[in-house]
Amino acid sequence: MAHEQTRIGVLVMCAVLLAAACSSSPPAAPSATPASAPLGLASSNPIPTPAPTATPTSTPTASAASPTPTVPPLADKCSSPPPPPGTAIPPPIAQTGPISSISGRVLLADTPVPSAKVDVFQGGYPGGRTSVYGPIASAVADDTGSYSVSIALGAYRLFAAVTAPGSSARVGYAWYGGAITFGTAADVSVGSAGVRGVDIRLFPVRTISGRITSSRGTPAGITVIAFCGTLRPELDIGVGTTDGTGGYRLSVIPGTYRIRVQPSRRMGLLGRWYGDVTQWQQAKNVTVDDRDVTIDVTLPAGHFLAGTVRAADGSLLAGGAFVYLKVVGDSPSCDDGSFECSAQLDNTGTFLLTVPSGRYQLEIQPSATSTVRVPYPESGSLEVKGDTLLEIRLASVPRAP
C-alpha cells in the first residue's frame, strides 16, 4: 500500500512538474490550425462594396442583366446546419458532353486580386460546413482579377482565396454570395450559354493573438478557439494552440467572436471563456474589424484528483475501465466544459483528473462494455480542497475480464 501511494504521488508530482516545465521550454512559433473547409465570417464593419453585378439564374444567359443575389443574413453565416435527414445527395456531375463556362472577377475592397485561386464545387443540394465532393475545376485570376472556368452544365458553388507571396497563409477568402461555408454559399446554375459576371468578393483575413498564463506556468499545447457570432458556440472560425511561452495566433476575418481557452486535464488548469467565465452566454464579445486584436487570458489552477482502482481480488483495473465524476450539491459543474467529467484508467490502473474545489462522488465502470457503475465513496461524498490521491478497491464487484 505504501508503495502504491508513493507511485501515485510521483504521478501527480510529474503532472505538476510538467505544467511548470512547459513554461520554460524553448519558444516555438505559435501555430494556427485552419479548419479543413474554407471558412470566414461576414464583417460587422463591412468594406463598402457594390452588390455583385450579376447573379446566375436557373436559366443563365450571356447577357449582363441579372437580379442581385440574396446574401444570407449574419445569423445564418455563423451556423452550419447539416443537411436534413434523408437529404438525397446527387451523384457527381460528369464533366463530359456539353461544356460551358463560368467567369467573373475576384475582388477585395473593390480592388482586383491577381493570382487568387477559384475552386468550383458541385452544388444543387443542402449542404453543411463542407462539400461532399472535392473541387471539380479550378482557375487562377489574371492581373485584372478575372477568371474563367470551363465546366459541364449543372449547379455549382465557388470558393476563392488568395495567399501571401511565398506563403500558404491566406490573406482573403470567401464563397460566392458572401458566404463562409459551403452550405450557405449561393448556387451558380450553368446552362449552354455560360454564366458571366460571377464576381467573388473576399473577406480580408485578420489576426487574434495573445498569451495564455496561469499560476502553474504557461504550458504549451493549450487549445484556443474563436467561435463566430453571439448566438451559440456552433461554428469555430479560428483554432490554434499555445507555444512554449503561452503565445497563440488565430486567423479570422472581420466579425464578432467569443474565445474559448481549453487546457488538457494533465496541465492542472481549468478551461475558460474570454471574460473569465465558464459559460458561453456570459463570455465577452471580441470584435475584429480592420485591425488585428490582442487578447490575453489567465486560466485558474485546479486540483489534481488521481488514484488507482483495484478489483475485489486486489488486481489493478485497466484496459477499458473508466472513472466518471459526479458533482455533489452546488459544487462547480463539469457540464460547461471547464474541466473533464471522466478519465480512462491507463495500463497501471491509474487515473488523473483536474477539478476545482468542491464535493464529488466517483463512479467506476469496470470495463468499456460493463453496464455497472460502482460509486466511490459508497455513501456521502469526497471533498476536494487540494491535490488528492486515492486508493480505491471495488470490494463488491469482481474483476472485469
Protein backbone atom coordinates (compact mmCIF):
# COMPACT_ATOMS: atom_id res chain seq x y z
CA MET A 1 0.00 0.00 0.00
CA ALA A 2 2.80 2.44 0.81
CA HIS A 3 4.41 1.60 -2.49
CA GLU A 4 1.14 2.42 -4.35
CA GLN A 5 0.74 5.74 -2.53
CA THR A 6 4.31 6.61 -3.43
CA ARG A 7 3.71 5.76 -7.11
CA ILE A 8 0.53 7.84 -7.27
CA GLY A 9 2.32 10.70 -5.55
CA VAL A 10 5.01 10.52 -8.21
CA LEU A 11 2.30 10.64 -10.91
CA VAL A 12 0.77 13.80 -9.53
CA MET A 13 4.16 15.38 -8.91
CA CYS A 14 5.11 14.64 -12.54
CA ALA A 15 1.93 16.30 -13.74
CA VAL A 16 2.66 19.37 -11.64
CA LEU A 17 6.25 19.49 -12.85
CA LEU A 18 5.09 19.01 -16.43
CA ALA A 19 2.90 22.10 -16.24
CA ALA A 20 5.74 24.14 -14.76
CA ALA A 21 8.43 22.76 -17.04
CA CYS A 22 6.49 23.65 -20.16
CA SER A 23 6.73 27.31 -19.21
CA SER A 24 10.49 27.18 -19.51
CA SER A 25 10.65 25.22 -22.76
CA PRO A 26 12.17 26.97 -25.78
CA PRO A 27 9.53 29.06 -27.51
CA ALA A 28 8.17 27.76 -30.78
CA ALA A 29 6.31 29.67 -33.40
CA PRO A 30 2.62 29.91 -32.47
CA SER A 31 0.54 27.63 -34.61
CA ALA A 32 -2.89 28.13 -36.03
CA THR A 33 -4.83 25.21 -37.38
CA PRO A 34 -7.28 26.33 -40.05
CA ALA A 35 -10.49 24.42 -40.43
CA SER A 36 -10.40 21.70 -43.07
CA ALA A 37 -13.00 23.56 -45.08
CA PRO A 38 -12.75 27.21 -46.16
CA LEU A 39 -14.44 29.37 -43.55
CA GLY A 40 -14.97 33.04 -42.78
CA LEU A 41 -17.39 35.47 -41.19
CA ALA A 42 -19.42 38.35 -42.55
CA SER A 43 -17.86 41.61 -41.47
CA SER A 44 -19.53 43.54 -38.70
CA ASN A 45 -17.83 46.57 -40.26
CA PRO A 46 -18.01 45.55 -43.92
CA ILE A 47 -15.82 47.15 -46.52
CA PRO A 48 -18.12 49.28 -48.70
CA THR A 49 -18.65 47.43 -51.93
CA PRO A 50 -21.39 47.49 -54.51
CA ALA A 51 -23.54 44.42 -54.88
CA PRO A 52 -22.25 41.85 -57.39
CA THR A 53 -23.14 42.96 -60.89
CA ALA A 54 -24.63 39.67 -61.95
CA THR A 55 -26.19 36.64 -60.37
CA PRO A 56 -26.80 33.44 -62.28
CA THR A 57 -30.38 32.25 -62.64
CA SER A 58 -31.76 28.81 -63.27
CA THR A 59 -31.67 29.61 -66.99
CA PRO A 60 -28.45 31.59 -67.39
CA THR A 61 -27.73 33.68 -70.43
CA ALA A 62 -24.76 35.59 -71.73
CA SER A 63 -26.43 38.94 -71.06
CA ALA A 64 -25.32 41.14 -68.18
CA ALA A 65 -28.79 41.87 -66.78
CA SER A 66 -29.42 39.65 -63.75
CA PRO A 67 -31.10 40.05 -60.34
CA THR A 68 -28.93 40.93 -57.36
CA PRO A 69 -28.17 37.78 -55.30
CA THR A 70 -29.76 37.33 -51.90
CA VAL A 71 -26.98 37.22 -49.31
CA PRO A 72 -27.77 35.12 -46.21
CA PRO A 73 -28.19 37.18 -43.00
CA LEU A 74 -25.43 37.30 -40.40
CA ALA A 75 -27.07 34.78 -38.07
CA ASP A 76 -27.09 32.18 -40.85
CA LYS A 77 -23.43 32.83 -41.57
CA CYS A 78 -22.49 31.81 -38.05
CA SER A 79 -24.19 28.45 -38.36
CA SER A 80 -23.50 25.40 -40.41
CA PRO A 81 -26.52 23.09 -40.12
CA PRO A 82 -26.08 19.63 -41.63
CA PRO A 83 -28.35 18.54 -44.47
CA PRO A 84 -31.78 17.45 -43.21
CA PRO A 85 -32.09 13.71 -42.53
CA GLY A 86 -32.86 11.83 -45.70
CA THR A 87 -31.40 14.52 -47.97
CA ALA A 88 -30.54 12.98 -51.32
CA ILE A 89 -27.03 13.89 -52.45
CA PRO A 90 -26.91 13.97 -56.25
CA PRO A 91 -24.26 11.89 -57.99
CA PRO A 92 -21.15 13.69 -59.25
CA ILE A 93 -21.69 15.70 -62.41
CA ALA A 94 -19.81 14.04 -65.25
CA GLN A 95 -17.53 16.56 -66.91
CA THR A 96 -18.39 15.29 -70.36
CA GLY A 97 -20.92 16.20 -73.01
CA PRO A 98 -21.80 19.88 -73.46
CA ILE A 99 -19.14 22.08 -71.82
CA SER A 100 -19.92 25.67 -70.83
CA SER A 101 -18.18 28.22 -68.60
CA ILE A 102 -18.31 30.41 -65.51
CA SER A 103 -16.40 33.70 -65.49
CA GLY A 104 -16.06 36.78 -63.33
CA ARG A 105 -13.61 38.63 -61.11
CA VAL A 106 -12.10 38.19 -57.66
CA LEU A 107 -12.18 41.42 -55.63
CA LEU A 108 -11.03 42.65 -52.23
CA ALA A 109 -12.48 46.04 -51.26
CA ASP A 110 -13.30 46.69 -54.95
CA THR A 111 -9.68 46.03 -55.90
CA PRO A 112 -8.95 43.19 -58.34
CA VAL A 113 -6.99 40.33 -56.77
CA PRO A 114 -4.42 38.81 -59.15
CA SER A 115 -3.34 35.19 -58.54
CA ALA A 116 -6.42 34.36 -56.45
CA LYS A 117 -7.40 30.73 -56.82
CA VAL A 118 -11.02 29.88 -57.64
CA ASP A 119 -12.28 26.36 -56.87
CA VAL A 120 -15.58 25.05 -58.27
CA PHE A 121 -17.61 22.54 -56.26
CA GLN A 122 -20.77 20.71 -57.20
CA GLY A 123 -23.84 22.41 -55.73
CA GLY A 124 -27.58 22.00 -56.00
CA TYR A 125 -28.20 20.32 -52.64
CA PRO A 126 -28.49 21.38 -48.97
CA GLY A 127 -25.00 21.24 -47.53
CA GLY A 128 -23.28 21.70 -44.22
CA ARG A 129 -19.87 23.07 -43.45
CA THR A 130 -18.06 21.26 -46.27
CA SER A 131 -18.82 19.82 -49.68
CA VAL A 132 -19.44 16.12 -50.08
CA TYR A 133 -17.22 16.18 -53.16
CA GLY A 134 -13.87 17.82 -53.73
CA PRO A 135 -13.33 20.64 -56.25
CA ILE A 136 -14.29 19.76 -59.82
CA ALA A 137 -12.32 22.51 -61.53
CA SER A 138 -10.04 25.40 -60.61
CA ALA A 139 -8.70 28.60 -62.13
CA VAL A 140 -6.23 31.35 -61.18
CA ALA A 141 -7.21 35.01 -61.60
CA ASP A 142 -5.09 37.05 -64.03
CA ASP A 143 -3.58 40.50 -63.43
CA THR A 144 -7.04 42.10 -63.69
CA GLY A 145 -8.54 39.68 -61.15
CA SER A 146 -10.51 37.95 -63.92
CA TYR A 147 -11.01 34.20 -64.08
CA SER A 148 -12.80 31.72 -66.33
CA VAL A 149 -13.58 28.05 -65.74
CA SER A 150 -14.75 25.53 -68.32
CA ILE A 151 -17.39 23.31 -66.78
CA ALA A 152 -20.21 20.92 -67.70
CA LEU A 153 -23.82 22.04 -67.37
CA GLY A 154 -25.17 21.94 -63.81
CA ALA A 155 -25.30 23.74 -60.44
CA TYR A 156 -22.06 24.77 -58.73
CA ARG A 157 -20.65 26.72 -55.76
CA LEU A 158 -17.46 28.74 -55.99
CA PHE A 159 -14.78 29.41 -53.42
CA ALA A 160 -11.89 31.88 -53.88
CA ALA A 161 -8.80 32.54 -51.78
CA VAL A 162 -5.50 34.37 -52.09
CA THR A 163 -2.32 33.74 -50.11
CA ALA A 164 0.58 35.98 -49.18
CA PRO A 165 3.51 35.81 -51.66
CA GLY A 166 5.75 32.87 -50.83
CA SER A 167 3.39 31.64 -48.10
CA SER A 168 0.45 29.30 -47.64
CA ALA A 169 -1.24 31.74 -45.23
CA ARG A 170 -4.48 33.16 -46.62
CA VAL A 171 -4.94 36.92 -46.74
CA GLY A 172 -8.51 36.76 -48.07
CA TYR A 173 -11.19 34.21 -48.91
CA ALA A 174 -14.94 33.75 -49.44
CA TRP A 175 -17.59 31.55 -51.02
CA TYR A 176 -19.59 33.16 -53.80
CA GLY A 177 -22.59 35.03 -52.41
CA GLY A 178 -20.75 36.38 -49.36
CA ALA A 179 -20.81 33.04 -47.54
CA ILE A 180 -18.34 31.35 -45.19
CA THR A 181 -19.40 27.73 -45.56
CA PHE A 182 -20.38 25.51 -48.44
CA GLY A 183 -23.92 25.15 -47.09
CA THR A 184 -24.61 28.90 -47.09
CA ALA A 185 -22.98 29.66 -50.46
CA ALA A 186 -25.08 30.63 -53.49
CA ASP A 187 -25.55 28.19 -56.33
CA VAL A 188 -24.42 29.11 -59.85
CA SER A 189 -26.60 27.35 -62.43
CA VAL A 190 -24.69 26.84 -65.66
CA GLY A 191 -26.51 26.40 -68.97
CA SER A 192 -25.25 26.13 -72.52
CA ALA A 193 -24.73 29.90 -72.82
CA GLY A 194 -22.45 30.00 -69.77
CA VAL A 195 -22.57 32.45 -66.88
CA ARG A 196 -20.63 35.71 -66.74
CA GLY A 197 -20.19 38.35 -64.04
CA VAL A 198 -19.85 35.87 -61.16
CA ASP A 199 -17.74 38.20 -59.02
CA ILE A 200 -16.41 36.83 -55.72
CA ARG A 201 -15.72 39.43 -53.02
CA LEU A 202 -13.16 38.24 -50.49
CA PHE A 203 -13.19 38.79 -46.75
CA PRO A 204 -9.81 40.08 -45.51
CA VAL A 205 -8.02 37.84 -43.02
CA ARG A 206 -7.20 39.36 -39.63
CA THR A 207 -5.45 38.02 -36.53
CA ILE A 208 -6.47 37.40 -32.93
CA SER A 209 -3.35 36.74 -30.87
CA GLY A 210 -2.11 36.97 -27.31
CA ARG A 211 -0.81 34.99 -24.37
CA ILE A 212 -2.33 32.40 -22.05
CA THR A 213 -0.91 32.45 -18.49
CA SER A 214 -1.65 30.75 -15.18
CA SER A 215 -0.23 30.26 -11.69
CA ARG A 216 1.09 26.89 -12.88
CA GLY A 217 3.12 28.49 -15.68
CA THR A 218 2.46 28.62 -19.41
CA PRO A 219 2.14 25.06 -20.71
CA ALA A 220 2.41 24.56 -24.46
CA GLY A 221 -0.49 22.91 -26.23
CA ILE A 222 -3.46 24.79 -24.73
CA THR A 223 -6.22 24.96 -27.34
CA VAL A 224 -7.65 28.39 -28.23
CA ILE A 225 -10.80 28.61 -30.38
CA ALA A 226 -12.61 31.61 -31.88
CA PHE A 227 -16.33 30.89 -32.31
CA CYS A 228 -18.23 33.27 -34.54
CA GLY A 229 -21.40 35.11 -33.59
CA THR A 230 -23.16 35.57 -30.29
CA LEU A 231 -25.96 33.00 -30.51
CA ARG A 232 -24.22 29.72 -29.62
CA PRO A 233 -20.79 28.11 -29.96
CA GLU A 234 -21.56 26.36 -33.24
CA LEU A 235 -19.03 27.43 -35.85
CA ASP A 236 -15.34 27.63 -35.00
CA ILE A 237 -13.56 30.01 -37.35
CA GLY A 238 -10.02 30.05 -35.93
CA VAL A 239 -8.32 27.27 -33.97
CA GLY A 240 -4.77 27.29 -32.61
CA THR A 241 -2.55 26.07 -29.78
CA THR A 242 -0.14 27.86 -27.47
CA ASP A 243 3.62 27.67 -27.87
CA GLY A 244 6.18 27.31 -25.07
CA THR A 245 5.68 30.93 -24.00
CA GLY A 246 1.89 30.68 -23.89
CA GLY A 247 1.56 32.62 -27.14
CA TYR A 248 -1.13 31.81 -29.71
CA ARG A 249 -2.31 33.19 -33.05
CA LEU A 250 -5.68 32.71 -34.78
CA SER A 251 -6.51 33.62 -38.37
CA VAL A 252 -10.03 35.06 -38.62
CA ILE A 253 -11.90 37.61 -40.71
CA PRO A 254 -13.90 40.67 -39.63
CA GLY A 255 -16.76 39.82 -37.32
CA THR A 256 -17.76 39.15 -33.72
CA TYR A 257 -16.25 36.24 -31.80
CA ARG A 258 -16.19 34.56 -28.42
CA ILE A 259 -12.92 32.93 -27.39
CA ARG A 260 -12.64 29.54 -25.68
CA VAL A 261 -9.39 28.51 -23.94
CA GLN A 262 -9.18 24.79 -23.15
CA PRO A 263 -6.24 23.06 -21.39
CA SER A 264 -5.85 19.31 -21.04
CA ARG A 265 -6.51 17.68 -17.68
CA ARG A 266 -2.80 16.91 -17.21
CA MET A 267 -1.99 20.63 -17.07
CA GLY A 268 -3.77 21.19 -13.76
CA LEU A 269 -5.73 24.11 -15.21
CA LEU A 270 -9.42 24.90 -15.72
CA GLY A 271 -10.89 25.98 -19.05
CA ARG A 272 -12.49 29.40 -19.51
CA TRP A 273 -14.27 31.62 -22.00
CA TYR A 274 -12.71 35.04 -22.53
CA GLY A 275 -14.06 37.26 -19.76
CA ASP A 276 -13.08 34.73 -17.04
CA VAL A 277 -16.40 32.89 -17.21
CA THR A 278 -17.34 29.23 -17.62
CA GLN A 279 -20.49 29.75 -19.69
CA TRP A 280 -20.79 30.76 -23.35
CA GLN A 281 -23.67 33.10 -22.53
CA GLN A 282 -21.53 35.26 -20.20
CA ALA A 283 -18.43 35.40 -22.43
CA LYS A 284 -17.19 38.76 -23.70
CA ASN A 285 -17.53 39.56 -27.38
CA VAL A 286 -14.36 40.18 -29.34
CA THR A 287 -14.94 42.43 -32.34
CA VAL A 288 -12.50 42.27 -35.23
CA ASP A 289 -12.76 44.95 -37.91
CA ASP A 290 -9.92 46.40 -39.96
CA ARG A 291 -7.24 45.76 -37.32
CA ASP A 292 -5.69 42.76 -35.61
CA VAL A 293 -6.75 42.16 -31.99
CA THR A 294 -4.73 41.11 -28.93
CA ILE A 295 -6.46 39.03 -26.25
CA ASP A 296 -4.63 37.74 -23.16
CA VAL A 297 -6.25 35.19 -20.83
CA THR A 298 -5.26 33.96 -17.37
CA LEU A 299 -6.53 30.47 -16.53
CA PRO A 300 -7.32 29.46 -12.93
CA ALA A 301 -5.50 26.48 -11.46
CA GLY A 302 -7.44 23.38 -10.46
CA HIS A 303 -6.59 20.44 -8.20
CA PHE A 304 -5.23 17.11 -9.37
CA LEU A 305 -7.55 14.24 -8.44
CA ALA A 306 -5.68 10.99 -9.04
CA GLY A 307 -5.58 7.41 -7.87
CA THR A 308 -5.57 3.71 -8.66
CA VAL A 309 -8.54 1.39 -8.87
CA ARG A 310 -8.42 -2.29 -7.87
CA ALA A 311 -10.90 -5.10 -8.34
CA ALA A 312 -12.21 -7.22 -5.45
CA ASP A 313 -9.31 -9.65 -5.81
CA GLY A 314 -6.78 -6.81 -5.45
CA SER A 315 -5.72 -6.72 -9.09
CA LEU A 316 -5.50 -3.38 -10.86
CA LEU A 317 -8.28 -2.41 -13.25
CA ALA A 318 -7.06 -1.36 -16.67
CA GLY A 319 -7.75 -1.71 -20.37
CA GLY A 320 -11.10 -0.02 -20.80
CA ALA A 321 -12.12 0.81 -17.23
CA PHE A 322 -13.42 4.37 -16.72
CA VAL A 323 -13.80 6.80 -13.84
CA TYR A 324 -16.72 9.25 -14.03
CA LEU A 325 -17.03 12.37 -11.91
CA LYS A 326 -20.39 13.17 -10.33
CA VAL A 327 -20.82 16.65 -8.85
CA VAL A 328 -22.49 16.81 -5.44
CA GLY A 329 -24.60 19.75 -4.26
CA ASP A 330 -23.77 23.19 -5.58
CA SER A 331 -20.17 22.38 -6.46
CA PRO A 332 -18.94 23.61 -9.87
CA SER A 333 -20.29 21.51 -12.74
CA CYS A 334 -18.20 19.99 -15.50
CA ASP A 335 -21.15 20.27 -17.89
CA ASP A 336 -19.83 23.64 -19.10
CA GLY A 337 -16.58 22.04 -20.25
CA SER A 338 -14.31 23.92 -17.86
CA PHE A 339 -12.99 20.55 -16.66
CA GLU A 340 -13.38 16.95 -17.77
CA CYS A 341 -16.01 14.68 -16.27
CA SER A 342 -14.32 11.34 -16.94
CA ALA A 343 -10.99 9.61 -17.43
CA GLN A 344 -9.93 6.20 -18.68
CA LEU A 345 -7.63 4.17 -16.50
CA ASP A 346 -4.18 3.60 -18.00
CA ASN A 347 -2.42 0.23 -18.12
CA THR A 348 -1.35 0.61 -14.49
CA GLY A 349 -4.91 1.15 -13.25
CA THR A 350 -4.28 4.84 -12.65
CA PHE A 351 -6.48 7.84 -13.48
CA LEU A 352 -5.88 11.60 -13.37
CA LEU A 353 -8.39 14.47 -13.43
CA THR A 354 -8.19 18.20 -12.78
CA VAL A 355 -11.10 19.66 -10.80
CA PRO A 356 -11.98 22.85 -8.91
CA SER A 357 -12.58 22.80 -5.16
CA GLY A 358 -15.85 21.06 -4.39
CA ARG A 359 -17.64 17.89 -3.35
CA TYR A 360 -17.75 14.92 -5.71
CA GLN A 361 -18.57 11.27 -6.00
CA LEU A 362 -16.74 8.97 -8.38
CA GLU A 363 -18.42 6.24 -10.38
CA ILE A 364 -16.22 3.37 -11.56
CA GLN A 365 -17.10 1.44 -14.72
CA PRO A 366 -15.01 -1.77 -14.56
CA SER A 367 -14.79 -2.22 -18.34
CA ALA A 368 -15.82 -0.49 -21.57
CA THR A 369 -18.69 -2.96 -22.07
CA SER A 370 -19.85 -3.03 -18.47
CA THR A 371 -23.28 -1.64 -17.58
CA VAL A 372 -22.32 -1.39 -13.91
CA ARG A 373 -21.02 1.76 -12.24
CA VAL A 374 -19.80 1.47 -8.68
CA PRO A 375 -19.90 4.67 -6.55
CA TYR A 376 -16.93 5.86 -4.51
CA PRO A 377 -17.33 6.57 -1.72
CA GLU A 378 -20.28 4.20 -1.38
CA SER A 379 -22.11 6.83 0.66
CA GLY A 380 -21.56 10.53 1.13
CA SER A 381 -19.12 12.47 -0.98
CA LEU A 382 -15.46 13.28 -1.45
CA GLU A 383 -14.36 16.82 -0.61
CA VAL A 384 -11.52 18.16 -2.75
CA LYS A 385 -9.64 21.20 -1.47
CA GLY A 386 -6.22 20.47 -2.94
CA ASP A 387 -4.35 17.80 -4.88
CA THR A 388 -5.90 14.49 -3.81
CA LEU A 389 -4.61 10.89 -4.02
CA LEU A 390 -6.97 7.92 -3.80
CA GLU A 391 -6.59 4.14 -3.45
CA ILE A 392 -9.92 2.57 -4.48
CA ARG A 393 -10.86 -1.09 -4.10
CA LEU A 394 -14.16 -2.28 -5.57
CA ALA A 395 -14.99 -4.90 -2.93
CA SER A 396 -18.49 -5.52 -4.28
CA VAL A 397 -17.58 -6.02 -7.94
CA PRO A 398 -15.40 -8.83 -9.36
CA ARG A 399 -12.51 -8.00 -11.61
CA ALA A 400 -13.63 -7.26 -15.17
CA PRO A 401 -12.44 -9.88 -17.71
